[in-house]
Amino acid sequence: MGLPPLTEQERADALRKAVRARAARSAAKVRLKNGEASITDVIDAAALDPALARMKVSDLLEALPGIGKVRATVIMSELGIAPTRRLRGLGVHQRRALAGVATGRPGSDA
């Protein structure tokens, strides 16, 4: 069973919605990188913004200064967070642990 065909207007609306969602996630990552927002700020905002709620936790971590793909993977493994987890799927303890990452590892070169 496939998806019903969309009209041109529906496709255009979906495209605009997708562009807005990508822009919102990108802006959140820039704020993290520049230190204008914390992990907790973004997670809290994700509770209200469905576009941010769909951001992957790995993308959130990689937006922090000094954390790349490898370190993000290690952090997520240590915290017991699946590699495919998105912000909306985080539990209370995982949120707390992620908030501690920013304060406990502020861009160290370990």
PDB file of N, CA and C in Angstrom:
ATOM      1  N   MET A   1       0.848  -1.173   0.000  1.00  0.00           N
ATOM      2  CA  MET A   1       0.000   0.000   0.000  1.00  0.00           C
ATOM      3  C   MET A   1       0.891   1.233   0.000  1.00  0.00           C
ATOM      4  N   GLY A   2       0.796   2.021  -1.002  1.00  0.00           N
ATOM      5  CA  GLY A   2       1.628   3.215  -1.140  1.00  0.00           C
ATOM      6  C   GLY A   2       0.930   4.447  -0.606  1.00  0.00           C
ATOM      7  N   LEU A   3       1.644   5.515  -0.654  1.00  0.00           N
ATOM      8  CA  LEU A   3       1.086   6.796  -0.240  1.00  0.00           C
ATOM      9  C   LEU A   3       0.172   7.344  -1.322  1.00  0.00           C
ATOM     10  N   PRO A   4      -0.865   8.057  -0.922  1.00  0.00           N
ATOM     11  CA  PRO A   4      -1.738   8.644  -1.942  1.00  0.00           C
ATOM     12  C   PRO A   4      -0.983   9.740  -2.693  1.00  0.00           C
ATOM     13  N   PRO A   5      -1.271   9.906  -3.958  1.00  0.00           N
ATOM     14  CA  PRO A   5      -0.576  10.957  -4.713  1.00  0.00           C
ATOM     15  C   PRO A   5      -0.960  12.341  -4.192  1.00  0.00           C
ATOM     16  N   LEU A   6       0.017  13.222  -4.157  1.00  0.00           N
ATOM     17  CA  LEU A   6      -0.206  14.577  -3.675  1.00  0.00           C
ATOM     18  C   LEU A   6      -0.412  15.531  -4.836  1.00  0.00           C
ATOM     19  N   THR A   7      -1.208  16.526  -4.588  1.00  0.00           N
ATOM     20  CA  THR A   7      -1.377  17.566  -5.593  1.00  0.00           C
ATOM     21  C   THR A   7      -0.127  18.440  -5.582  1.00  0.00           C
ATOM     22  N   GLU A   8       0.011  19.266  -6.591  1.00  0.00           N
ATOM     23  CA  GLU A   8       1.164  20.170  -6.653  1.00  0.00           C
ATOM     24  C   GLU A   8       1.189  21.109  -5.449  1.00  0.00           C
ATOM     25  N   GLN A   9       0.010  21.574  -5.030  1.00  0.00           N
ATOM     26  CA  GLN A   9      -0.074  22.473  -3.873  1.00  0.00           C
ATOM     27  C   GLN A   9       0.367  21.760  -2.594  1.00  0.00           C
ATOM     28  N   GLU A  10      -0.075  20.515  -2.423  1.00  0.00           N
ATOM     29  CA  GLU A  10       0.316  19.742  -1.235  1.00  0.00           C
ATOM     30  C   GLU A  10       1.816  19.480  -1.216  1.00  0.00           C
ATOM     31  N   ARG A  11       2.378  19.185  -2.375  1.00  0.00           N
ATOM     32  CA  ARG A  11       3.828  18.962  -2.453  1.00  0.00           C
ATOM     33  C   ARG A  11       4.590  20.234  -2.133  1.00  0.00           C
ATOM     34  N   ALA A  12       4.119  21.361  -2.639  1.00  0.00           N
ATOM     35  CA  ALA A  12       4.766  22.644  -2.376  1.00  0.00           C
ATOM     36  C   ALA A  12       4.688  22.991  -0.890  1.00  0.00           C
ATOM     37  N   ASP A  13       3.531  22.727  -0.268  1.00  0.00           N
ATOM     38  CA  ASP A  13       3.371  22.987   1.162  1.00  0.00           C
ATOM     39  C   ASP A  13       4.313  22.105   1.982  1.00  0.00           C
ATOM     40  N   ALA A  14       4.408  20.835   1.604  1.00  0.00           N
ATOM     41  CA  ALA A  14       5.294  19.912   2.312  1.00  0.00           C
ATOM     42  C   ALA A  14       6.752  20.342   2.168  1.00  0.00           C
ATOM     43  N   LEU A  15       7.106  20.808   0.992  1.00  0.00           N
ATOM     44  CA  LEU A  15       8.477  21.270   0.759  1.00  0.00           C
ATOM     45  C   LEU A  15       8.794  22.487   1.621  1.00  0.00           C
ATOM     46  N   ARG A  16       7.871  23.436   1.693  1.00  0.00           N
ATOM     47  CA  ARG A  16       8.077  24.626   2.537  1.00  0.00           C
ATOM     48  C   ARG A  16       8.208  24.235   4.004  1.00  0.00           C
ATOM     49  N   LYS A  17       7.383  23.296   4.437  1.00  0.00           N
ATOM     50  CA  LYS A  17       7.439  22.839   5.823  1.00  0.00           C
ATOM     51  C   LYS A  17       8.788  22.172   6.116  1.00  0.00           C
ATOM     52  N   ALA A  18       9.282  21.372   5.194  1.00  0.00           N
ATOM     53  CA  ALA A  18      10.570  20.700   5.372  1.00  0.00           C
ATOM     54  C   ALA A  18      11.718  21.714   5.416  1.00  0.00           C
ATOM     55  N   VAL A  19      11.646  22.722   4.582  1.00  0.00           N
ATOM     56  CA  VAL A  19      12.688  23.757   4.568  1.00  0.00           C
ATOM     57  C   VAL A  19      12.703  24.512   5.894  1.00  0.00           C
ATOM     58  N   ARG A  20      11.523  24.838   6.405  1.00  0.00           N
ATOM     59  CA  ARG A  20      11.436  25.536   7.706  1.00  0.00           C
ATOM     60  C   ARG A  20      11.997  24.666   8.829  1.00  0.00           C
ATOM     61  N   ALA A  21      11.715  23.367   8.792  1.00  0.00           N
ATOM     62  CA  ALA A  21      12.203  22.452   9.825  1.00  0.00           C
ATOM     63  C   ALA A  21      13.727  22.358   9.785  1.00  0.00           C
ATOM     64  N   ARG A  22      14.295  22.227   8.589  1.00  0.00           N
ATOM     65  CA  ARG A  22      15.761  22.160   8.470  1.00  0.00           C
ATOM     66  C   ARG A  22      16.398  23.459   8.938  1.00  0.00           C
ATOM     67  N   ALA A  23      15.768  24.585   8.632  1.00  0.00           N
ATOM     68  CA  ALA A  23      16.298  25.879   9.059  1.00  0.00           C
ATOM     69  C   ALA A  23      16.272  26.004  10.583  1.00  0.00           C
ATOM     70  N   ALA A  24      15.213  25.525  11.211  1.00  0.00           N
ATOM     71  CA  ALA A  24      15.108  25.590  12.675  1.00  0.00           C
ATOM     72  C   ALA A  24      16.181  24.736  13.330  1.00  0.00           C
ATOM     73  N   ARG A  25      16.412  23.525  12.800  1.00  0.00           N
ATOM     74  CA  ARG A  25      17.456  22.657  13.361  1.00  0.00           C
ATOM     75  C   ARG A  25      18.833  23.261  13.142  1.00  0.00           C
ATOM     76  N   SER A  26      19.046  23.835  11.976  1.00  0.00           N
ATOM     77  CA  SER A  26      20.328  24.462  11.669  1.00  0.00           C
ATOM     78  C   SER A  26      20.589  25.654  12.589  1.00  0.00           C
ATOM     79  N   ALA A  27      19.583  26.467  12.828  1.00  0.00           N
ATOM     80  CA  ALA A  27      19.739  27.632  13.703  1.00  0.00           C
ATOM     81  C   ALA A  27      20.069  27.192  15.126  1.00  0.00           C
ATOM     82  N   ALA A  28      19.434  26.125  15.585  1.00  0.00           N
ATOM     83  CA  ALA A  28      19.719  25.610  16.931  1.00  0.00           C
ATOM     84  C   ALA A  28      21.169  25.142  17.025  1.00  0.00           C
ATOM     85  N   LYS A  29      21.660  24.478  15.980  1.00  0.00           N
ATOM     86  CA  LYS A  29      23.055  24.007  15.983  1.00  0.00           C
ATOM     87  C   LYS A  29      24.031  25.176  15.974  1.00  0.00           C
ATOM     88  N   VAL A  30      23.716  26.221  15.239  1.00  0.00           N
ATOM     89  CA  VAL A  30      24.582  27.408  15.213  1.00  0.00           C
ATOM     90  C   VAL A  30      24.617  28.065  16.590  1.00  0.00           C
ATOM     91  N   ARG A  31      23.450  28.157  17.244  1.00  0.00           N
ATOM     92  CA  ARG A  31      23.409  28.740  18.598  1.00  0.00           C
ATOM     93  C   ARG A  31      24.240  27.916  19.570  1.00  0.00           C
ATOM     94  N   LEU A  32      24.192  26.591  19.447  1.00  0.00           N
ATOM     95  CA  LEU A  32      25.017  25.725  20.296  1.00  0.00           C
ATOM     96  C   LEU A  32      26.499  25.963  20.031  1.00  0.00           C
ATOM     97  N   LYS A  33      26.861  25.997  18.762  1.00  0.00           N
ATOM     98  CA  LYS A  33      28.260  26.163  18.387  1.00  0.00           C
ATOM     99  C   LYS A  33      28.821  27.491  18.885  1.00  0.00           C
ATOM    100  N   ASN A  34      28.014  28.545  18.825  1.00  0.00           N
ATOM    101  CA  ASN A  34      28.459  29.869  19.237  1.00  0.00           C
ATOM    102  C   ASN A  34      28.339  30.099  20.742  1.00  0.00           C
ATOM    103  N   GLY A  35      27.793  29.142  21.464  1.00  0.00           N
ATOM    104  CA  GLY A  35      27.635  29.280  22.899  1.00  0.00           C
ATOM    105  C   GLY A  35      26.441  30.130  23.308  1.00  0.00           C
ATOM    106  N   GLU A  36      25.571  30.431  22.369  1.00  0.00           N
ATOM    107  CA  GLU A  36      24.384  31.247  22.664  1.00  0.00           C
ATOM    108  C   GLU A  36      23.284  30.416  23.323  1.00  0.00           C
ATOM    109  N   ALA A  37      23.374  29.100  23.226  1.00  0.00           N
ATOM    110  CA  ALA A  37      22.379  28.209  23.818  1.00  0.00           C
ATOM    111  C   ALA A  37      23.106  26.998  24.387  1.00  0.00           C
ATOM    112  N   SER A  38      22.496  26.373  25.370  1.00  0.00           N
ATOM    113  CA  SER A  38      23.052  25.154  25.956  1.00  0.00           C
ATOM    114  C   SER A  38      22.269  23.947  25.451  1.00  0.00           C
ATOM    115  N   ILE A  39      22.787  22.775  25.746  1.00  0.00           N
ATOM    116  CA  ILE A  39      22.072  21.552  25.382  1.00  0.00           C
ATOM    117  C   ILE A  39      20.689  21.556  26.021  1.00  0.00           C
ATOM    118  N   THR A  40      20.631  21.973  27.277  1.00  0.00           N
ATOM    119  CA  THR A  40      19.352  22.013  27.987  1.00  0.00           C
ATOM    120  C   THR A  40      18.374  22.960  27.306  1.00  0.00           C
ATOM    121  N   ASP A  41      18.865  24.109  26.832  1.00  0.00           N
ATOM    122  CA  ASP A  41      17.996  25.059  26.127  1.00  0.00           C
ATOM    123  C   ASP A  41      17.372  24.419  24.889  1.00  0.00           C
ATOM    124  N   VAL A  42      18.194  23.708  24.129  1.00  0.00           N
ATOM    125  CA  VAL A  42      17.699  23.097  22.892  1.00  0.00           C
ATOM    126  C   VAL A  42      16.727  21.963  23.203  1.00  0.00           C
ATOM    127  N   ILE A  43      17.053  21.150  24.211  1.00  0.00           N
ATOM    128  CA  ILE A  43      16.146  20.053  24.581  1.00  0.00           C
ATOM    129  C   ILE A  43      14.813  20.606  25.065  1.00  0.00           C
ATOM    130  N   ASP A  44      14.852  21.676  25.865  1.00  0.00           N
ATOM    131  CA  ASP A  44      13.613  22.293  26.334  1.00  0.00           C
ATOM    132  C   ASP A  44      12.807  22.872  25.172  1.00  0.00           C
ATOM    133  N   ALA A  45      13.491  23.494  24.218  1.00  0.00           N
ATOM    134  CA  ALA A  45      12.810  24.049  23.052  1.00  0.00           C
ATOM    135  C   ALA A  45      12.195  22.949  22.193  1.00  0.00           C
ATOM    136  N   ALA A  46      12.830  21.771  22.187  1.00  0.00           N
ATOM    137  CA  ALA A  46      12.317  20.652  21.396  1.00  0.00           C
ATOM    138  C   ALA A  46      10.969  20.166  21.914  1.00  0.00           C
ATOM    139  N   ALA A  47      10.689  20.414  23.192  1.00  0.00           N
ATOM    140  CA  ALA A  47       9.393  20.016  23.739  1.00  0.00           C
ATOM    141  C   ALA A  47       8.261  20.827  23.116  1.00  0.00           C
ATOM    142  N   LEU A  48       8.584  22.026  22.634  1.00  0.00           N
ATOM    143  CA  LEU A  48       7.575  22.904  22.055  1.00  0.00           C
ATOM    144  C   LEU A  48       7.617  22.969  20.531  1.00  0.00           C
ATOM    145  N   ASP A  49       8.745  22.603  19.943  1.00  0.00           N
ATOM    146  CA  ASP A  49       8.934  22.725  18.495  1.00  0.00           C
ATOM    147  C   ASP A  49       9.130  21.342  17.870  1.00  0.00           C
ATOM    148  N   PRO A  50       8.160  20.864  17.094  1.00  0.00           N
ATOM    149  CA  PRO A  50       8.280  19.536  16.483  1.00  0.00           C
ATOM    150  C   PRO A  50       9.497  19.389  15.568  1.00  0.00           C
ATOM    151  N   ALA A  51       9.932  20.469  14.957  1.00  0.00           N
ATOM    152  CA  ALA A  51      11.102  20.395  14.076  1.00  0.00           C
ATOM    153  C   ALA A  51      12.348  20.086  14.897  1.00  0.00           C
ATOM    154  N   LEU A  52      12.497  20.735  16.040  1.00  0.00           N
ATOM    155  CA  LEU A  52      13.645  20.456  16.902  1.00  0.00           C
ATOM    156  C   LEU A  52      13.525  19.077  17.540  1.00  0.00           C
ATOM    157  N   ALA A  53      12.310  18.645  17.821  1.00  0.00           N
ATOM    158  CA  ALA A  53      12.106  17.332  18.427  1.00  0.00           C
ATOM    159  C   ALA A  53      12.609  16.222  17.513  1.00  0.00           C
ATOM    160  N   ARG A  54      12.669  16.483  16.222  1.00  0.00           N
ATOM    161  CA  ARG A  54      13.128  15.476  15.261  1.00  0.00           C
ATOM    162  C   ARG A  54      14.641  15.512  15.038  1.00  0.00           C
ATOM    163  N   MET A  55      15.351  16.403  15.733  1.00  0.00           N
ATOM    164  CA  MET A  55      16.810  16.473  15.600  1.00  0.00           C
ATOM    165  C   MET A  55      17.437  15.249  16.270  1.00  0.00           C
ATOM    166  N   LYS A  56      18.422  14.657  15.621  1.00  0.00           N
ATOM    167  CA  LYS A  56      19.120  13.528  16.203  1.00  0.00           C
ATOM    168  C   LYS A  56      20.027  14.012  17.331  1.00  0.00           C
ATOM    169  N   VAL A  57      20.152  13.185  18.360  1.00  0.00           N
ATOM    170  CA  VAL A  57      21.012  13.521  19.492  1.00  0.00           C
ATOM    171  C   VAL A  57      22.460  13.649  19.025  1.00  0.00           C
ATOM    172  N   SER A  58      22.870  12.817  18.081  1.00  0.00           N
ATOM    173  CA  SER A  58      24.241  12.899  17.574  1.00  0.00           C
ATOM    174  C   SER A  58      24.496  14.247  16.907  1.00  0.00           C
ATOM    175  N   ASP A  59      23.518  14.770  16.182  1.00  0.00           N
ATOM    176  CA  ASP A  59      23.668  16.099  15.565  1.00  0.00           C
ATOM    177  C   ASP A  59      23.784  17.179  16.632  1.00  0.00           C
ATOM    178  N   LEU A  60      23.027  17.030  17.710  1.00  0.00           N
ATOM    179  CA  LEU A  60      23.081  17.980  18.823  1.00  0.00           C
ATOM    180  C   LEU A  60      24.478  18.000  19.430  1.00  0.00           C
ATOM    181  N   LEU A  61      25.027  16.827  19.698  1.00  0.00           N
ATOM    182  CA  LEU A  61      26.361  16.749  20.297  1.00  0.00           C
ATOM    183  C   LEU A  61      27.443  17.263  19.351  1.00  0.00           C
ATOM    184  N   GLU A  62      27.333  16.918  18.086  1.00  0.00           N
ATOM    185  CA  GLU A  62      28.339  17.334  17.113  1.00  0.00           C
ATOM    186  C   GLU A  62      28.338  18.841  16.902  1.00  0.00           C
ATOM    187  N   ALA A  63      27.261  19.500  17.270  1.00  0.00           N
ATOM    188  CA  ALA A  63      27.197  20.960  17.142  1.00  0.00           C
ATOM    189  C   ALA A  63      28.001  21.654  18.241  1.00  0.00           C
ATOM    190  N   LEU A  64      28.326  20.924  19.292  1.00  0.00           N
ATOM    191  CA  LEU A  64      29.119  21.512  20.373  1.00  0.00           C
ATOM    192  C   LEU A  64      30.573  21.644  19.955  1.00  0.00           C
ATOM    193  N   PRO A  65      31.228  22.727  20.349  1.00  0.00           N
ATOM    194  CA  PRO A  65      32.652  22.887  20.015  1.00  0.00           C
ATOM    195  C   PRO A  65      33.483  21.758  20.621  1.00  0.00           C
ATOM    196  N   GLY A  66      34.366  21.186  19.825  1.00  0.00           N
ATOM    197  CA  GLY A  66      35.270  20.141  20.300  1.00  0.00           C
ATOM    198  C   GLY A  66      34.700  18.740  20.274  1.00  0.00           C
ATOM    199  N   ILE A  67      33.481  18.579  19.789  1.00  0.00           N
ATOM    200  CA  ILE A  67      32.884  17.247  19.720  1.00  0.00           C
ATOM    201  C   ILE A  67      32.569  16.940  18.270  1.00  0.00           C
ATOM    202  N   GLY A  68      33.186  15.877  17.789  1.00  0.00           N
ATOM    203  CA  GLY A  68      32.959  15.432  16.419  1.00  0.00           C
ATOM    204  C   GLY A  68      32.158  14.143  16.413  1.00  0.00           C
ATOM    205  N   LYS A  69      32.143  13.485  15.283  1.00  0.00           N
ATOM    206  CA  LYS A  69      31.352  12.264  15.135  1.00  0.00           C
ATOM    207  C   LYS A  69      31.799  11.171  16.111  1.00  0.00           C
ATOM    208  N   VAL A  70      33.116  10.971  16.217  1.00  0.00           N
ATOM    209  CA  VAL A  70      33.630   9.892  17.058  1.00  0.00           C
ATOM    210  C   VAL A  70      33.323  10.162  18.524  1.00  0.00           C
ATOM    211  N   ARG A  71      33.625  11.357  18.994  1.00  0.00           N
ATOM    212  CA  ARG A  71      33.376  11.668  20.400  1.00  0.00           C
ATOM    213  C   ARG A  71      31.873  11.641  20.707  1.00  0.00           C
ATOM    214  N   ALA A  72      31.048  12.109  19.776  1.00  0.00           N
ATOM    215  CA  ALA A  72      29.597  12.063  19.980  1.00  0.00           C
ATOM    216  C   ALA A  72      29.125  10.618  20.115  1.00  0.00           C
ATOM    217  N   THR A  73      29.662   9.725  19.299  1.00  0.00           N
ATOM    218  CA  THR A  73      29.301   8.312  19.365  1.00  0.00           C
ATOM    219  C   THR A  73      29.715   7.708  20.700  1.00  0.00           C
ATOM    220  N   VAL A  74      30.910   8.056  21.171  1.00  0.00           N
ATOM    221  CA  VAL A  74      31.393   7.544  22.456  1.00  0.00           C
ATOM    222  C   VAL A  74      30.518   8.051  23.599  1.00  0.00           C
ATOM    223  N   ILE A  75      30.206   9.334  23.580  1.00  0.00           N
ATOM    224  CA  ILE A  75      29.366   9.923  24.633  1.00  0.00           C
ATOM    225  C   ILE A  75      28.003   9.245  24.657  1.00  0.00           C
ATOM    226  N   MET A  76      27.403   9.079  23.488  1.00  0.00           N
ATOM    227  CA  MET A  76      26.081   8.457  23.428  1.00  0.00           C
ATOM    228  C   MET A  76      26.136   7.017  23.926  1.00  0.00           C
ATOM    229  N   SER A  77      27.202   6.310  23.602  1.00  0.00           N
ATOM    230  CA  SER A  77      27.365   4.936  24.070  1.00  0.00           C
ATOM    231  C   SER A  77      27.504   4.898  25.587  1.00  0.00           C
ATOM    232  N   GLU A  78      28.306   5.810  26.138  1.00  0.00           N
ATOM    233  CA  GLU A  78      28.492   5.867  27.589  1.00  0.00           C
ATOM    234  C   GLU A  78      27.184   6.175  28.313  1.00  0.00           C
ATOM    235  N   LEU A  79      26.340   6.990  27.697  1.00  0.00           N
ATOM    236  CA  LEU A  79      25.079   7.386  28.319  1.00  0.00           C
ATOM    237  C   LEU A  79      23.935   6.421  28.021  1.00  0.00           C
ATOM    238  N   GLY A  80      24.202   5.431  27.176  1.00  0.00           N
ATOM    239  CA  GLY A  80      23.168   4.455  26.837  1.00  0.00           C
ATOM    240  C   GLY A  80      22.107   5.005  25.907  1.00  0.00           C
ATOM    241  N   ILE A  81      22.510   5.901  25.014  1.00  0.00           N
ATOM    242  CA  ILE A  81      21.587   6.496  24.052  1.00  0.00           C
ATOM    243  C   ILE A  81      21.844   5.865  22.687  1.00  0.00           C
ATOM    244  N   ALA A  82      20.802   5.348  22.070  1.00  0.00           N
ATOM    245  CA  ALA A  82      20.926   4.703  20.764  1.00  0.00           C
ATOM    246  C   ALA A  82      21.387   5.710  19.716  1.00  0.00           C
ATOM    247  N   PRO A  83      22.177   5.265  18.738  1.00  0.00           N
ATOM    248  CA  PRO A  83      22.692   6.174  17.708  1.00  0.00           C
ATOM    249  C   PRO A  83      21.608   6.850  16.875  1.00  0.00           C
ATOM    250  N   THR A  84      20.443   6.250  16.795  1.00  0.00           N
ATOM    251  CA  THR A  84      19.356   6.809  15.982  1.00  0.00           C
ATOM    252  C   THR A  84      18.364   7.635  16.802  1.00  0.00           C
ATOM    253  N   ARG A  85      18.629   7.793  18.094  1.00  0.00           N
ATOM    254  CA  ARG A  85      17.688   8.486  18.987  1.00  0.00           C
ATOM    255  C   ARG A  85      17.546   9.952  18.600  1.00  0.00           C
ATOM    256  N   ARG A  86      16.338  10.447  18.671  1.00  0.00           N
ATOM    257  CA  ARG A  86      16.043  11.856  18.419  1.00  0.00           C
ATOM    258  C   ARG A  86      15.680  12.516  19.739  1.00  0.00           C
ATOM    259  N   LEU A  87      15.692  13.843  19.769  1.00  0.00           N
ATOM    260  CA  LEU A  87      15.468  14.564  21.019  1.00  0.00           C
ATOM    261  C   LEU A  87      14.134  14.212  21.662  1.00  0.00           C
ATOM    262  N   ARG A  88      13.090  14.025  20.850  1.00  0.00           N
ATOM    263  CA  ARG A  88      11.775  13.737  21.425  1.00  0.00           C
ATOM    264  C   ARG A  88      11.750  12.384  22.129  1.00  0.00           C
ATOM    265  N   GLY A  89      12.680  11.501  21.827  1.00  0.00           N
ATOM    266  CA  GLY A  89      12.689  10.164  22.408  1.00  0.00           C
ATOM    267  C   GLY A  89      13.558  10.021  23.642  1.00  0.00           C
ATOM    268  N   LEU A  90      14.120  11.119  24.125  1.00  0.00           N
ATOM    269  CA  LEU A  90      14.991  11.045  25.297  1.00  0.00           C
ATOM    270  C   LEU A  90      14.181  10.920  26.577  1.00  0.00           C
ATOM    271  N   GLY A  91      14.689  10.106  27.484  1.00  0.00           N
ATOM    272  CA  GLY A  91      14.074   9.993  28.795  1.00  0.00           C
ATOM    273  C   GLY A  91      14.614  11.066  29.733  1.00  0.00           C
ATOM    274  N   VAL A  92      14.037  11.152  30.907  1.00  0.00           N
ATOM    275  CA  VAL A  92      14.434  12.165  31.884  1.00  0.00           C
ATOM    276  C   VAL A  92      15.901  12.008  32.268  1.00  0.00           C
ATOM    277  N   HIS A  93      16.328  10.790  32.523  1.00  0.00           N
ATOM    278  CA  HIS A  93      17.711  10.549  32.935  1.00  0.00           C
ATOM    279  C   HIS A  93      18.697  10.839  31.802  1.00  0.00           C
ATOM    280  N   GLN A  94      18.303  10.519  30.588  1.00  0.00           N
ATOM    281  CA  GLN A  94      19.163  10.807  29.443  1.00  0.00           C
ATOM    282  C   GLN A  94      19.302  12.311  29.240  1.00  0.00           C
ATOM    283  N   ARG A  95      18.224  13.055  29.438  1.00  0.00           N
ATOM    284  CA  ARG A  95      18.292  14.518  29.324  1.00  0.00           C
ATOM    285  C   ARG A  95      19.250  15.093  30.351  1.00  0.00           C
ATOM    286  N   ARG A  96      19.132  14.597  31.594  1.00  0.00           N
ATOM    287  CA  ARG A  96      20.024  15.073  32.656  1.00  0.00           C
ATOM    288  C   ARG A  96      21.472  14.745  32.331  1.00  0.00           C
ATOM    289  N   ALA A  97      21.718  13.535  31.844  1.00  0.00           N
ATOM    290  CA  ALA A  97      23.076  13.121  31.513  1.00  0.00           C
ATOM    291  C   ALA A  97      23.650  13.980  30.384  1.00  0.00           C
ATOM    292  N   LEU A  98      22.831  14.297  29.387  1.00  0.00           N
ATOM    293  CA  LEU A  98      23.297  15.150  28.291  1.00  0.00           C
ATOM    294  C   LEU A  98      23.617  16.557  28.779  1.00  0.00           C
ATOM    295  N   ALA A  99      22.828  17.059  29.703  1.00  0.00           N
ATOM    296  CA  ALA A  99      23.097  18.386  30.258  1.00  0.00           C
ATOM    297  C   ALA A  99      24.448  18.379  30.971  1.00  0.00           C
ATOM    298  N   GLY A 100      24.787  17.274  31.598  1.00  0.00           N
ATOM    299  CA  GLY A 100      26.080  17.159  32.274  1.00  0.00           C
ATOM    300  C   GLY A 100      27.241  17.069  31.310  1.00  0.00           C
ATOM    301  N   VAL A 101      27.011  16.613  30.109  1.00  0.00           N
ATOM    302  CA  VAL A 101      28.081  16.501  29.105  1.00  0.00           C
ATOM    303  C   VAL A 101      28.665  17.880  28.815  1.00  0.00           C
ATOM    304  N   ALA A 102      27.811  18.856  28.649  1.00  0.00           N
ATOM    305  CA  ALA A 102      28.272  20.197  28.294  1.00  0.00           C
ATOM    306  C   ALA A 102      29.086  20.806  29.432  1.00  0.00           C
ATOM    307  N   THR A 103      28.713  20.549  30.665  1.00  0.00           N
ATOM    308  CA  THR A 103      29.452  21.121  31.778  1.00  0.00           C
ATOM    309  C   THR A 103      30.665  20.281  32.149  1.00  0.00           C
ATOM    310  N   GLY A 104      30.583  18.984  31.928  1.00  0.00           N
ATOM    311  CA  GLY A 104      31.676  18.089  32.294  1.00  0.00           C
ATOM    312  C   GLY A 104      32.755  17.959  31.240  1.00  0.00           C
ATOM    313  N   ARG A 105      32.456  18.273  29.982  1.00  0.00           N
ATOM    314  CA  ARG A 105      33.427  18.133  28.895  1.00  0.00           C
ATOM    315  C   ARG A 105      33.374  19.349  27.977  1.00  0.00           C
ATOM    316  N   PRO A 106      33.743  20.505  28.456  1.00  0.00           N
ATOM    317  CA  PRO A 106      33.628  21.691  27.611  1.00  0.00           C
ATOM    318  C   PRO A 106      34.725  21.779  26.558  1.00  0.00           C
ATOM    319  N   GLY A 107      34.669  20.869  25.569  1.00  0.00           N
ATOM    320  CA  GLY A 107      35.617  20.930  24.457  1.00  0.00           C
ATOM    321  C   GLY A 107      37.001  20.446  24.816  1.00  0.00           C
ATOM    322  N   SER A 108      37.111  19.489  25.762  1.00  0.00           N
ATOM    323  CA  SER A 108      38.434  18.981  26.127  1.00  0.00           C
ATOM    324  C   SER A 108      38.970  18.093  25.017  1.00  0.00           C
ATOM    325  N   ASP A 109      40.270  17.983  24.960  1.00  0.00           N
ATOM    326  CA  ASP A 109      40.919  17.178  23.910  1.00  0.00           C
ATOM    327  C   ASP A 109      41.345  15.839  24.475  1.00  0.00           C
ATOM    328  N   ALA A 110      40.447  15.096  25.045  1.00  0.00           N
ATOM    329  CA  ALA A 110      40.779  13.803  25.639  1.00  0.00           C
ATOM    330  C   ALA A 110      40.852  12.725  24.597  1.00  0.00           C
TER     331      ALA A 110
END
